Amino acid sequence: MVIRIYHNPRCSKSRATLALLVERGIEPEIVEYLDNPPNASRLKQIQAALDCPAMDMVRTKEAPFKENHLESATENELIDAIAQFPILLERPIVVNGSRAAIGRPPENVLEIL
């Protein structure tokens, strides 16, 4: 099974999570989501794997969150906003089959390996 990391190479937590995987002999599929953003359908799959509300996948301090008044958005509105503005996606997210974890801190991903 392929382990996938939704990665932003400019993010220290994302780099640390990727390094943690590689140190354990895992060569994940790297998705640089700012260049290759997941669509709403994929985001819903990630959300299901994370088993969390969509708000947990959102970086609330990013400008598009504030500019689009997403504080009280529905689940679907948040997913659509992430698809439209991928900078909103919390990072990094590691997906292993039907399970996923947000690498904040990076050690969080160890529970799904």
PDB file of N, CA and C in Angstrom:
ATOM      1  N   MET A   1       0.842  -1.182   0.000  1.00  0.00           N
ATOM      2  CA  MET A   1       0.000   0.000   0.000  1.00  0.00           C
ATOM      3  C   MET A   1       0.890   1.250   0.000  1.00  0.00           C
ATOM      4  N   VAL A   2       0.493   2.223  -0.772  1.00  0.00           N
ATOM      5  CA  VAL A   2       1.264   3.456  -0.904  1.00  0.00           C
ATOM      6  C   VAL A   2       0.937   4.399   0.249  1.00  0.00           C
ATOM      7  N   ILE A   3       1.964   4.906   0.862  1.00  0.00           N
ATOM      8  CA  ILE A   3       1.801   5.956   1.871  1.00  0.00           C
ATOM      9  C   ILE A   3       2.004   7.276   1.154  1.00  0.00           C
ATOM     10  N   ARG A   4       1.082   8.197   1.371  1.00  0.00           N
ATOM     11  CA  ARG A   4       1.103   9.476   0.670  1.00  0.00           C
ATOM     12  C   ARG A   4       1.209  10.605   1.701  1.00  0.00           C
ATOM     13  N   ILE A   5       2.029  11.602   1.370  1.00  0.00           N
ATOM     14  CA  ILE A   5       2.137  12.782   2.223  1.00  0.00           C
ATOM     15  C   ILE A   5       1.737  14.008   1.415  1.00  0.00           C
ATOM     16  N   TYR A   6       0.797  14.764   1.942  1.00  0.00           N
ATOM     17  CA  TYR A   6       0.436  16.051   1.365  1.00  0.00           C
ATOM     18  C   TYR A   6       1.396  17.042   1.994  1.00  0.00           C
ATOM     19  N   HIS A   7       2.293  17.539   1.172  1.00  0.00           N
ATOM     20  CA  HIS A   7       3.526  18.165   1.625  1.00  0.00           C
ATOM     21  C   HIS A   7       3.688  19.578   1.079  1.00  0.00           C
ATOM     22  N   ASN A   8       4.209  20.444   1.943  1.00  0.00           N
ATOM     23  CA  ASN A   8       4.628  21.789   1.530  1.00  0.00           C
ATOM     24  C   ASN A   8       6.107  21.879   1.892  1.00  0.00           C
ATOM     25  N   PRO A   9       6.992  21.876   0.900  1.00  0.00           N
ATOM     26  CA  PRO A   9       8.426  21.860   1.204  1.00  0.00           C
ATOM     27  C   PRO A   9       8.916  23.107   1.930  1.00  0.00           C
ATOM     28  N   ARG A  10       8.130  24.164   1.962  1.00  0.00           N
ATOM     29  CA  ARG A  10       8.538  25.372   2.692  1.00  0.00           C
ATOM     30  C   ARG A  10       8.153  25.326   4.169  1.00  0.00           C
ATOM     31  N   CYS A  11       7.433  24.301   4.563  1.00  0.00           N
ATOM     32  CA  CYS A  11       6.947  24.172   5.946  1.00  0.00           C
ATOM     33  C   CYS A  11       7.878  23.265   6.747  1.00  0.00           C
ATOM     34  N   SER A  12       8.362  23.754   7.873  1.00  0.00           N
ATOM     35  CA  SER A  12       9.299  22.963   8.680  1.00  0.00           C
ATOM     36  C   SER A  12       8.649  21.690   9.231  1.00  0.00           C
ATOM     37  N   LYS A  13       7.396  21.747   9.628  1.00  0.00           N
ATOM     38  CA  LYS A  13       6.714  20.543  10.146  1.00  0.00           C
ATOM     39  C   LYS A  13       6.541  19.509   9.039  1.00  0.00           C
ATOM     40  N   SER A  14       6.256  19.996   7.835  1.00  0.00           N
ATOM     41  CA  SER A  14       6.098  19.093   6.711  1.00  0.00           C
ATOM     42  C   SER A  14       7.436  18.421   6.371  1.00  0.00           C
ATOM     43  N   ARG A  15       8.489  19.201   6.356  1.00  0.00           N
ATOM     44  CA  ARG A  15       9.821  18.632   6.090  1.00  0.00           C
ATOM     45  C   ARG A  15      10.207  17.639   7.180  1.00  0.00           C
ATOM     46  N   ALA A  16       9.919  17.967   8.429  1.00  0.00           N
ATOM     47  CA  ALA A  16      10.261  17.076   9.540  1.00  0.00           C
ATOM     48  C   ALA A  16       9.462  15.772   9.463  1.00  0.00           C
ATOM     49  N   THR A  17       8.206  15.865   9.071  1.00  0.00           N
ATOM     50  CA  THR A  17       7.388  14.659   8.946  1.00  0.00           C
ATOM     51  C   THR A  17       7.904  13.779   7.821  1.00  0.00           C
ATOM     52  N   LEU A  18       8.240  14.381   6.701  1.00  0.00           N
ATOM     53  CA  LEU A  18       8.804  13.617   5.582  1.00  0.00           C
ATOM     54  C   LEU A  18      10.112  12.943   6.010  1.00  0.00           C
ATOM     55  N   ALA A  19      10.964  13.662   6.718  1.00  0.00           N
ATOM     56  CA  ALA A  19      12.226  13.095   7.198  1.00  0.00           C
ATOM     57  C   ALA A  19      11.969  11.919   8.150  1.00  0.00           C
ATOM     58  N   LEU A  20      10.973  12.055   9.007  1.00  0.00           N
ATOM     59  CA  LEU A  20      10.621  10.990   9.946  1.00  0.00           C
ATOM     60  C   LEU A  20      10.225   9.724   9.189  1.00  0.00           C
ATOM     61  N   LEU A  21       9.451   9.871   8.131  1.00  0.00           N
ATOM     62  CA  LEU A  21       9.054   8.716   7.318  1.00  0.00           C
ATOM     63  C   LEU A  21      10.274   8.075   6.663  1.00  0.00           C
ATOM     64  N   VAL A  22      11.105   8.898   6.045  1.00  0.00           N
ATOM     65  CA  VAL A  22      12.286   8.396   5.339  1.00  0.00           C
ATOM     66  C   VAL A  22      13.240   7.693   6.310  1.00  0.00           C
ATOM     67  N   GLU A  23      13.401   8.252   7.511  1.00  0.00           N
ATOM     68  CA  GLU A  23      14.264   7.625   8.524  1.00  0.00           C
ATOM     69  C   GLU A  23      13.791   6.223   8.881  1.00  0.00           C
ATOM     70  N   ARG A  24      12.499   5.983   8.718  1.00  0.00           N
ATOM     71  CA  ARG A  24      11.933   4.672   9.027  1.00  0.00           C
ATOM     72  C   ARG A  24      11.851   3.779   7.791  1.00  0.00           C
ATOM     73  N   GLY A  25      12.543   4.184   6.731  1.00  0.00           N
ATOM     74  CA  GLY A  25      12.603   3.373   5.525  1.00  0.00           C
ATOM     75  C   GLY A  25      11.378   3.475   4.631  1.00  0.00           C
ATOM     76  N   ILE A  26      10.548   4.471   4.870  1.00  0.00           N
ATOM     77  CA  ILE A  26       9.330   4.662   4.076  1.00  0.00           C
ATOM     78  C   ILE A  26       9.595   5.733   3.028  1.00  0.00           C
ATOM     79  N   GLU A  27       9.347   5.389   1.782  1.00  0.00           N
ATOM     80  CA  GLU A  27       9.467   6.344   0.681  1.00  0.00           C
ATOM     81  C   GLU A  27       8.052   6.693   0.235  1.00  0.00           C
ATOM     82  N   PRO A  28       7.454   7.702   0.826  1.00  0.00           N
ATOM     83  CA  PRO A  28       6.059   8.012   0.510  1.00  0.00           C
ATOM     84  C   PRO A  28       5.905   8.668  -0.859  1.00  0.00           C
ATOM     85  N   GLU A  29       4.698   8.577  -1.377  1.00  0.00           N
ATOM     86  CA  GLU A  29       4.334   9.367  -2.547  1.00  0.00           C
ATOM     87  C   GLU A  29       4.161  10.799  -2.033  1.00  0.00           C
ATOM     88  N   ILE A  30       4.871  11.727  -2.618  1.00  0.00           N
ATOM     89  CA  ILE A  30       4.832  13.115  -2.161  1.00  0.00           C
ATOM     90  C   ILE A  30       3.908  13.907  -3.068  1.00  0.00           C
ATOM     91  N   VAL A  31       2.887  14.503  -2.465  1.00  0.00           N
ATOM     92  CA  VAL A  31       1.969  15.367  -3.195  1.00  0.00           C
ATOM     93  C   VAL A  31       2.205  16.789  -2.696  1.00  0.00           C
ATOM     94  N   GLU A  32       2.819  17.592  -3.537  1.00  0.00           N
ATOM     95  CA  GLU A  32       2.982  19.005  -3.193  1.00  0.00           C
ATOM     96  C   GLU A  32       1.663  19.681  -3.516  1.00  0.00           C
ATOM     97  N   TYR A  33       0.810  19.738  -2.495  1.00  0.00           N
ATOM     98  CA  TYR A  33      -0.588  20.097  -2.694  1.00  0.00           C
ATOM     99  C   TYR A  33      -0.802  21.537  -3.157  1.00  0.00           C
ATOM    100  N   LEU A  34       0.177  22.416  -2.970  1.00  0.00           N
ATOM    101  CA  LEU A  34       0.005  23.779  -3.488  1.00  0.00           C
ATOM    102  C   LEU A  34       0.123  23.793  -5.007  1.00  0.00           C
ATOM    103  N   ASP A  35       0.924  22.875  -5.556  1.00  0.00           N
ATOM    104  CA  ASP A  35       1.088  22.757  -7.008  1.00  0.00           C
ATOM    105  C   ASP A  35       0.095  21.786  -7.624  1.00  0.00           C
ATOM    106  N   ASN A  36      -0.340  20.817  -6.853  1.00  0.00           N
ATOM    107  CA  ASN A  36      -1.240  19.770  -7.327  1.00  0.00           C
ATOM    108  C   ASN A  36      -2.340  19.571  -6.279  1.00  0.00           C
ATOM    109  N   PRO A  37      -3.254  20.535  -6.165  1.00  0.00           N
ATOM    110  CA  PRO A  37      -4.233  20.482  -5.076  1.00  0.00           C
ATOM    111  C   PRO A  37      -5.249  19.348  -5.231  1.00  0.00           C
ATOM    112  N   PRO A  38      -5.613  18.727  -4.123  1.00  0.00           N
ATOM    113  CA  PRO A  38      -6.649  17.701  -4.167  1.00  0.00           C
ATOM    114  C   PRO A  38      -8.013  18.348  -4.431  1.00  0.00           C
ATOM    115  N   ASN A  39      -8.852  17.625  -5.166  1.00  0.00           N
ATOM    116  CA  ASN A  39     -10.197  18.141  -5.411  1.00  0.00           C
ATOM    117  C   ASN A  39     -11.091  17.843  -4.209  1.00  0.00           C
ATOM    118  N   ALA A  40     -12.328  18.310  -4.258  1.00  0.00           N
ATOM    119  CA  ALA A  40     -13.239  18.154  -3.120  1.00  0.00           C
ATOM    120  C   ALA A  40     -13.480  16.684  -2.790  1.00  0.00           C
ATOM    121  N   SER A  41     -13.585  15.848  -3.807  1.00  0.00           N
ATOM    122  CA  SER A  41     -13.802  14.423  -3.569  1.00  0.00           C
ATOM    123  C   SER A  41     -12.634  13.812  -2.801  1.00  0.00           C
ATOM    124  N   ARG A  42     -11.413  14.113  -3.207  1.00  0.00           N
ATOM    125  CA  ARG A  42     -10.220  13.604  -2.521  1.00  0.00           C
ATOM    126  C   ARG A  42     -10.157  14.161  -1.096  1.00  0.00           C
ATOM    127  N   LEU A  43     -10.488  15.429  -0.942  1.00  0.00           N
ATOM    128  CA  LEU A  43     -10.469  16.034   0.396  1.00  0.00           C
ATOM    129  C   LEU A  43     -11.459  15.342   1.331  1.00  0.00           C
ATOM    130  N   LYS A  44     -12.611  14.944   0.804  1.00  0.00           N
ATOM    131  CA  LYS A  44     -13.583  14.213   1.631  1.00  0.00           C
ATOM    132  C   LYS A  44     -13.032  12.846   2.030  1.00  0.00           C
ATOM    133  N   GLN A  45     -12.288  12.202   1.120  1.00  0.00           N
ATOM    134  CA  GLN A  45     -11.651  10.929   1.453  1.00  0.00           C
ATOM    135  C   GLN A  45     -10.608  11.121   2.553  1.00  0.00           C
ATOM    136  N   ILE A  46      -9.835  12.185   2.431  1.00  0.00           N
ATOM    137  CA  ILE A  46      -8.823  12.487   3.457  1.00  0.00           C
ATOM    138  C   ILE A  46      -9.506  12.764   4.789  1.00  0.00           C
ATOM    139  N   GLN A  47     -10.578  13.537   4.749  1.00  0.00           N
ATOM    140  CA  GLN A  47     -11.315  13.845   5.979  1.00  0.00           C
ATOM    141  C   GLN A  47     -11.833  12.565   6.633  1.00  0.00           C
ATOM    142  N   ALA A  48     -12.376  11.658   5.832  1.00  0.00           N
ATOM    143  CA  ALA A  48     -12.871  10.395   6.381  1.00  0.00           C
ATOM    144  C   ALA A  48     -11.726   9.592   7.004  1.00  0.00           C
ATOM    145  N   ALA A  49     -10.565   9.596   6.355  1.00  0.00           N
ATOM    146  CA  ALA A  49      -9.407   8.875   6.893  1.00  0.00           C
ATOM    147  C   ALA A  49      -8.904   9.512   8.190  1.00  0.00           C
ATOM    148  N   LEU A  50      -8.998  10.830   8.250  1.00  0.00           N
ATOM    149  CA  LEU A  50      -8.606  11.535   9.476  1.00  0.00           C
ATOM    150  C   LEU A  50      -9.641  11.354  10.581  1.00  0.00           C
ATOM    151  N   ASP A  51     -10.880  11.082  10.178  1.00  0.00           N
ATOM    152  CA  ASP A  51     -11.999  10.944  11.116  1.00  0.00           C
ATOM    153  C   ASP A  51     -12.127  12.195  11.993  1.00  0.00           C
ATOM    154  N   CYS A  52     -12.258  13.329  11.285  1.00  0.00           N
ATOM    155  CA  CYS A  52     -12.320  14.609  11.990  1.00  0.00           C
ATOM    156  C   CYS A  52     -13.274  15.557  11.273  1.00  0.00           C
ATOM    157  N   PRO A  53     -13.702  16.606  11.960  1.00  0.00           N
ATOM    158  CA  PRO A  53     -14.465  17.642  11.260  1.00  0.00           C
ATOM    159  C   PRO A  53     -13.564  18.378  10.268  1.00  0.00           C
ATOM    160  N   ALA A  54     -14.163  18.900   9.217  1.00  0.00           N
ATOM    161  CA  ALA A  54     -13.390  19.608   8.187  1.00  0.00           C
ATOM    162  C   ALA A  54     -12.594  20.768   8.777  1.00  0.00           C
ATOM    163  N   MET A  55     -13.110  21.402   9.802  1.00  0.00           N
ATOM    164  CA  MET A  55     -12.411  22.540  10.406  1.00  0.00           C
ATOM    165  C   MET A  55     -11.030  22.140  10.913  1.00  0.00           C
ATOM    166  N   ASP A  56     -10.851  20.868  11.307  1.00  0.00           N
ATOM    167  CA  ASP A  56      -9.542  20.412  11.784  1.00  0.00           C
ATOM    168  C   ASP A  56      -8.512  20.341  10.653  1.00  0.00           C
ATOM    169  N   MET A  57      -8.982  20.377   9.421  1.00  0.00           N
ATOM    170  CA  MET A  57      -8.094  20.311   8.258  1.00  0.00           C
ATOM    171  C   MET A  57      -7.740  21.704   7.736  1.00  0.00           C
ATOM    172  N   VAL A  58      -8.260  22.743   8.389  1.00  0.00           N
ATOM    173  CA  VAL A  58      -8.138  24.103   7.867  1.00  0.00           C
ATOM    174  C   VAL A  58      -7.133  24.914   8.671  1.00  0.00           C
ATOM    175  N   ARG A  59      -6.308  25.649   7.938  1.00  0.00           N
ATOM    176  CA  ARG A  59      -5.395  26.619   8.552  1.00  0.00           C
ATOM    177  C   ARG A  59      -6.159  27.930   8.678  1.00  0.00           C
ATOM    178  N   THR A  60      -6.647  28.199   9.859  1.00  0.00           N
ATOM    179  CA  THR A  60      -7.558  29.317  10.073  1.00  0.00           C
ATOM    180  C   THR A  60      -6.869  30.684  10.067  1.00  0.00           C
ATOM    181  N   LYS A  61      -5.554  30.696  10.110  1.00  0.00           N
ATOM    182  CA  LYS A  61      -4.854  31.990  10.110  1.00  0.00           C
ATOM    183  C   LYS A  61      -4.481  32.470   8.717  1.00  0.00           C
ATOM    184  N   GLU A  62      -4.779  31.669   7.702  1.00  0.00           N
ATOM    185  CA  GLU A  62      -4.485  32.059   6.327  1.00  0.00           C
ATOM    186  C   GLU A  62      -5.506  33.081   5.835  1.00  0.00           C
ATOM    187  N   ALA A  63      -5.063  33.970   4.974  1.00  0.00           N
ATOM    188  CA  ALA A  63      -5.903  35.058   4.467  1.00  0.00           C
ATOM    189  C   ALA A  63      -7.216  34.567   3.844  1.00  0.00           C
ATOM    190  N   PRO A  64      -7.216  33.527   3.003  1.00  0.00           N
ATOM    191  CA  PRO A  64      -8.494  33.119   2.402  1.00  0.00           C
ATOM    192  C   PRO A  64      -9.543  32.695   3.425  1.00  0.00           C
ATOM    193  N   PHE A  65      -9.117  32.197   4.571  1.00  0.00           N
ATOM    194  CA  PHE A  65     -10.067  31.817   5.614  1.00  0.00           C
ATOM    195  C   PHE A  65     -10.797  33.055   6.110  1.00  0.00           C
ATOM    196  N   LYS A  66     -10.049  34.094   6.405  1.00  0.00           N
ATOM    197  CA  LYS A  66     -10.635  35.334   6.921  1.00  0.00           C
ATOM    198  C   LYS A  66     -11.399  36.081   5.838  1.00  0.00           C
ATOM    199  N   GLU A  67     -10.807  36.161   4.643  1.00  0.00           N
ATOM    200  CA  GLU A  67     -11.424  36.923   3.549  1.00  0.00           C
ATOM    201  C   GLU A  67     -12.746  36.327   3.100  1.00  0.00           C
ATOM    202  N   ASN A  68     -12.908  35.025   3.259  1.00  0.00           N
ATOM    203  CA  ASN A  68     -14.135  34.354   2.832  1.00  0.00           C
ATOM    204  C   ASN A  68     -15.074  34.046   3.991  1.00  0.00           C
ATOM    205  N   HIS A  69     -14.756  34.579   5.168  1.00  0.00           N
ATOM    206  CA  HIS A  69     -15.630  34.460   6.353  1.00  0.00           C
ATOM    207  C   HIS A  69     -16.055  33.014   6.592  1.00  0.00           C
ATOM    208  N   LEU A  70     -15.056  32.137   6.696  1.00  0.00           N
ATOM    209  CA  LEU A  70     -15.316  30.708   6.820  1.00  0.00           C
ATOM    210  C   LEU A  70     -15.505  30.245   8.260  1.00  0.00           C
ATOM    211  N   GLU A  71     -15.523  31.166   9.191  1.00  0.00           N
ATOM    212  CA  GLU A  71     -15.640  30.803  10.607  1.00  0.00           C
ATOM    213  C   GLU A  71     -16.868  29.940  10.892  1.00  0.00           C
ATOM    214  N   SER A  72     -17.968  30.188  10.187  1.00  0.00           N
ATOM    215  CA  SER A  72     -19.192  29.430  10.438  1.00  0.00           C
ATOM    216  C   SER A  72     -19.618  28.619   9.203  1.00  0.00           C
ATOM    217  N   ALA A  73     -18.660  28.287   8.362  1.00  0.00           N
ATOM    218  CA  ALA A  73     -18.951  27.525   7.149  1.00  0.00           C
ATOM    219  C   ALA A  73     -19.370  26.101   7.483  1.00  0.00           C
ATOM    220  N   THR A  74     -20.164  25.521   6.597  1.00  0.00           N
ATOM    221  CA  THR A  74     -20.552  24.121   6.744  1.00  0.00           C
ATOM    222  C   THR A  74     -19.375  23.230   6.346  1.00  0.00           C
ATOM    223  N   GLU A  75     -19.521  21.947   6.601  1.00  0.00           N
ATOM    224  CA  GLU A  75     -18.484  20.982   6.216  1.00  0.00           C
ATOM    225  C   GLU A  75     -18.203  21.079   4.714  1.00  0.00           C
ATOM    226  N   ASN A  76     -19.245  21.043   3.912  1.00  0.00           N
ATOM    227  CA  ASN A  76     -19.061  21.087   2.460  1.00  0.00           C
ATOM    228  C   ASN A  76     -18.457  22.411   2.011  1.00  0.00           C
ATOM    229  N   GLU A  77     -18.845  23.511   2.632  1.00  0.00           N
ATOM    230  CA  GLU A  77     -18.274  24.808   2.278  1.00  0.00           C
ATOM    231  C   GLU A  77     -16.783  24.847   2.599  1.00  0.00           C
ATOM    232  N   LEU A  78     -16.392  24.248   3.719  1.00  0.00           N
ATOM    233  CA  LEU A  78     -14.973  24.204   4.073  1.00  0.00           C
ATOM    234  C   LEU A  78     -14.181  23.348   3.085  1.00  0.00           C
ATOM    235  N   ILE A  79     -14.719  22.194   2.743  1.00  0.00           N
ATOM    236  CA  ILE A  79     -14.047  21.321   1.770  1.00  0.00           C
ATOM    237  C   ILE A  79     -13.892  22.054   0.442  1.00  0.00           C
ATOM    238  N   ASP A  80     -14.951  22.709  -0.002  1.00  0.00           N
ATOM    239  CA  ASP A  80     -14.882  23.458  -1.261  1.00  0.00           C
ATOM    240  C   ASP A  80     -13.864  24.590  -1.177  1.00  0.00           C
ATOM    241  N   ALA A  81     -13.784  25.243  -0.024  1.00  0.00           N
ATOM    242  CA  ALA A  81     -12.821  26.337   0.152  1.00  0.00           C
ATOM    243  C   ALA A  81     -11.384  25.811   0.099  1.00  0.00           C
ATOM    244  N   ILE A  82     -11.136  24.667   0.721  1.00  0.00           N
ATOM    245  CA  ILE A  82      -9.789  24.080   0.671  1.00  0.00           C
ATOM    246  C   ILE A  82      -9.434  23.727  -0.775  1.00  0.00           C
ATOM    247  N   ALA A  83     -10.389  23.166  -1.508  1.00  0.00           N
ATOM    248  CA  ALA A  83     -10.141  22.814  -2.904  1.00  0.00           C
ATOM    249  C   ALA A  83      -9.826  24.056  -3.731  1.00  0.00           C
ATOM    250  N   GLN A  84     -10.511  25.145  -3.428  1.00  0.00           N
ATOM    251  CA  GLN A  84     -10.295  26.388  -4.172  1.00  0.00           C
ATOM    252  C   GLN A  84      -9.022  27.108  -3.739  1.00  0.00           C
ATOM    253  N   PHE A  85      -8.736  27.055  -2.447  1.00  0.00           N
ATOM    254  CA  PHE A  85      -7.577  27.741  -1.876  1.00  0.00           C
ATOM    255  C   PHE A  85      -6.733  26.712  -1.118  1.00  0.00           C
ATOM    256  N   PRO A  86      -5.884  25.946  -1.804  1.00  0.00           N
ATOM    257  CA  PRO A  86      -5.160  24.849  -1.140  1.00  0.00           C
ATOM    258  C   PRO A  86      -4.249  25.304  -0.005  1.00  0.00           C
ATOM    259  N   ILE A  87      -3.909  26.584   0.056  1.00  0.00           N
ATOM    260  CA  ILE A  87      -3.109  27.089   1.189  1.00  0.00           C
ATOM    261  C   ILE A  87      -3.841  26.852   2.511  1.00  0.00           C
ATOM    262  N   LEU A  88      -5.160  26.654   2.448  1.00  0.00           N
ATOM    263  CA  LEU A  88      -5.946  26.421   3.659  1.00  0.00           C
ATOM    264  C   LEU A  88      -5.758  25.025   4.241  1.00  0.00           C
ATOM    265  N   LEU A  89      -5.236  24.093   3.458  1.00  0.00           N
ATOM    266  CA  LEU A  89      -5.090  22.720   3.949  1.00  0.00           C
ATOM    267  C   LEU A  89      -4.023  22.643   5.032  1.00  0.00           C
ATOM    268  N   GLU A  90      -4.410  22.094   6.164  1.00  0.00           N
ATOM    269  CA  GLU A  90      -3.441  21.871   7.241  1.00  0.00           C
ATOM    270  C   GLU A  90      -2.366  20.934   6.718  1.00  0.00           C
ATOM    271  N   ARG A  91      -1.165  21.146   7.178  1.00  0.00           N
ATOM    272  CA  ARG A  91      -0.047  20.355   6.662  1.00  0.00           C
ATOM    273  C   ARG A  91       0.865  19.916   7.790  1.00  0.00           C
ATOM    274  N   PRO A  92       1.552  18.839   7.528  1.00  0.00           N
ATOM    275  CA  PRO A  92       1.362  17.866   6.459  1.00  0.00           C
ATOM    276  C   PRO A  92       0.287  16.869   6.855  1.00  0.00           C
ATOM    277  N   ILE A  93      -0.276  16.209   5.880  1.00  0.00           N
ATOM    278  CA  ILE A  93      -1.200  15.107   6.133  1.00  0.00           C
ATOM    279  C   ILE A  93      -0.588  13.869   5.492  1.00  0.00           C
ATOM    280  N   VAL A  94      -0.512  12.799   6.284  1.00  0.00           N
ATOM    281  CA  VAL A  94      -0.011  11.516   5.789  1.00  0.00           C
ATOM    282  C   VAL A  94      -1.190  10.556   5.735  1.00  0.00           C
ATOM    283  N   VAL A  95      -1.345   9.900   4.583  1.00  0.00           N
ATOM    284  CA  VAL A  95      -2.431   8.944   4.379  1.00  0.00           C
ATOM    285  C   VAL A  95      -1.817   7.571   4.152  1.00  0.00           C
ATOM    286  N   ASN A  96      -2.308   6.606   4.918  1.00  0.00           N
ATOM    287  CA  ASN A  96      -1.886   5.215   4.800  1.00  0.00           C
ATOM    288  C   ASN A  96      -3.152   4.368   4.703  1.00  0.00           C
ATOM    289  N   GLY A  97      -3.561   4.052   3.480  1.00  0.00           N
ATOM    290  CA  GLY A  97      -4.784   3.278   3.286  1.00  0.00           C
ATOM    291  C   GLY A  97      -5.997   4.074   3.726  1.00  0.00           C
ATOM    292  N   SER A  98      -6.746   3.511   4.658  1.00  0.00           N
ATOM    293  CA  SER A  98      -7.963   4.168   5.135  1.00  0.00           C
ATOM    294  C   SER A  98      -7.721   5.022   6.380  1.00  0.00           C
ATOM    295  N   ARG A  99      -6.451   5.201   6.729  1.00  0.00           N
ATOM    296  CA  ARG A  99      -6.111   5.995   7.912  1.00  0.00           C
ATOM    297  C   ARG A  99      -5.245   7.170   7.504  1.00  0.00           C
ATOM    298  N   ALA A 100      -5.355   8.249   8.270  1.00  0.00           N
ATOM    299  CA  ALA A 100      -4.550   9.438   8.001  1.00  0.00           C
ATOM    300  C   ALA A 100      -4.268  10.145   9.317  1.00  0.00           C
ATOM    301  N   ALA A 101      -3.231  10.987   9.281  1.00  0.00           N
ATOM    302  CA  ALA A 101      -2.866  11.773  10.459  1.00  0.00           C
ATOM    303  C   ALA A 101      -2.240  13.079   9.990  1.00  0.00           C
ATOM    304  N   ILE A 102      -2.483  14.110  10.781  1.00  0.00           N
ATOM    305  CA  ILE A 102      -1.853  15.407  10.548  1.00  0.00           C
ATOM    306  C   ILE A 102      -0.543  15.421  11.331  1.00  0.00           C
ATOM    307  N   GLY A 103       0.535  15.756  10.667  1.00  0.00           N
ATOM    308  CA  GLY A 103       1.866  15.724  11.268  1.00  0.00           C
ATOM    309  C   GLY A 103       2.194  16.958  12.087  1.00  0.00           C
ATOM    310  N   ARG A 104       1.365  17.286  13.030  1.00  0.00           N
ATOM    311  CA  ARG A 104       1.606  18.382  13.958  1.00  0.00           C
ATOM    312  C   ARG A 104       1.345  17.870  15.367  1.00  0.00           C
ATOM    313  N   PRO A 105       2.328  17.405  16.051  1.00  0.00           N
ATOM    314  CA  PRO A 105       3.742  17.303  15.695  1.00  0.00           C
ATOM    315  C   PRO A 105       3.972  16.126  14.748  1.00  0.00           C
ATOM    316  N   PRO A 106       5.141  16.072  14.127  1.00  0.00           N
ATOM    317  CA  PRO A 106       5.421  15.014  13.156  1.00  0.00           C
ATOM    318  C   PRO A 106       5.177  13.604  13.696  1.00  0.00           C
ATOM    319  N   GLU A 107       5.425  13.375  14.960  1.00  0.00           N
ATOM    320  CA  GLU A 107       5.268  12.045  15.562  1.00  0.00           C
ATOM    321  C   GLU A 107       3.822  11.542  15.514  1.00  0.00           C
ATOM    322  N   ASN A 108       2.860  12.435  15.283  1.00  0.00           N
ATOM    323  CA  ASN A 108       1.460  12.006  15.171  1.00  0.00           C
ATOM    324  C   ASN A 108       1.266  10.952  14.096  1.00  0.00           C
ATOM    325  N   VAL A 109       2.099  11.001  13.045  1.00  0.00           N
ATOM    326  CA  VAL A 109       1.885  10.073  11.923  1.00  0.00           C
ATOM    327  C   VAL A 109       2.322   8.652  12.267  1.00  0.00           C
ATOM    328  N   LEU A 110       3.117   8.472  13.305  1.00  0.00           N
ATOM    329  CA  LEU A 110       3.596   7.139  13.652  1.00  0.00           C
ATOM    330  C   LEU A 110       2.448   6.188  13.969  1.00  0.00           C
ATOM    331  N   GLU A 111       1.349   6.697  14.492  1.00  0.00           N
ATOM    332  CA  GLU A 111       0.227   5.821  14.884  1.00  0.00           C
ATOM    333  C   GLU A 111      -0.498   5.191  13.694  1.00  0.00           C
ATOM    334  N   ILE A 112      -0.273   5.697  12.474  1.00  0.00           N
ATOM    335  CA  ILE A 112      -0.956   5.115  11.321  1.00  0.00           C
ATOM    336  C   ILE A 112      -0.013   4.268  10.449  1.00  0.00           C
ATOM    337  N   LEU A 113       1.228   4.131  10.855  1.00  0.00           N
ATOM    338  CA  LEU A 113       2.196   3.373  10.049  1.00  0.00           C
ATOM    339  C   LEU A 113       2.126   1.889  10.353  1.00  0.00           C
TER     340      LEU A 113
END
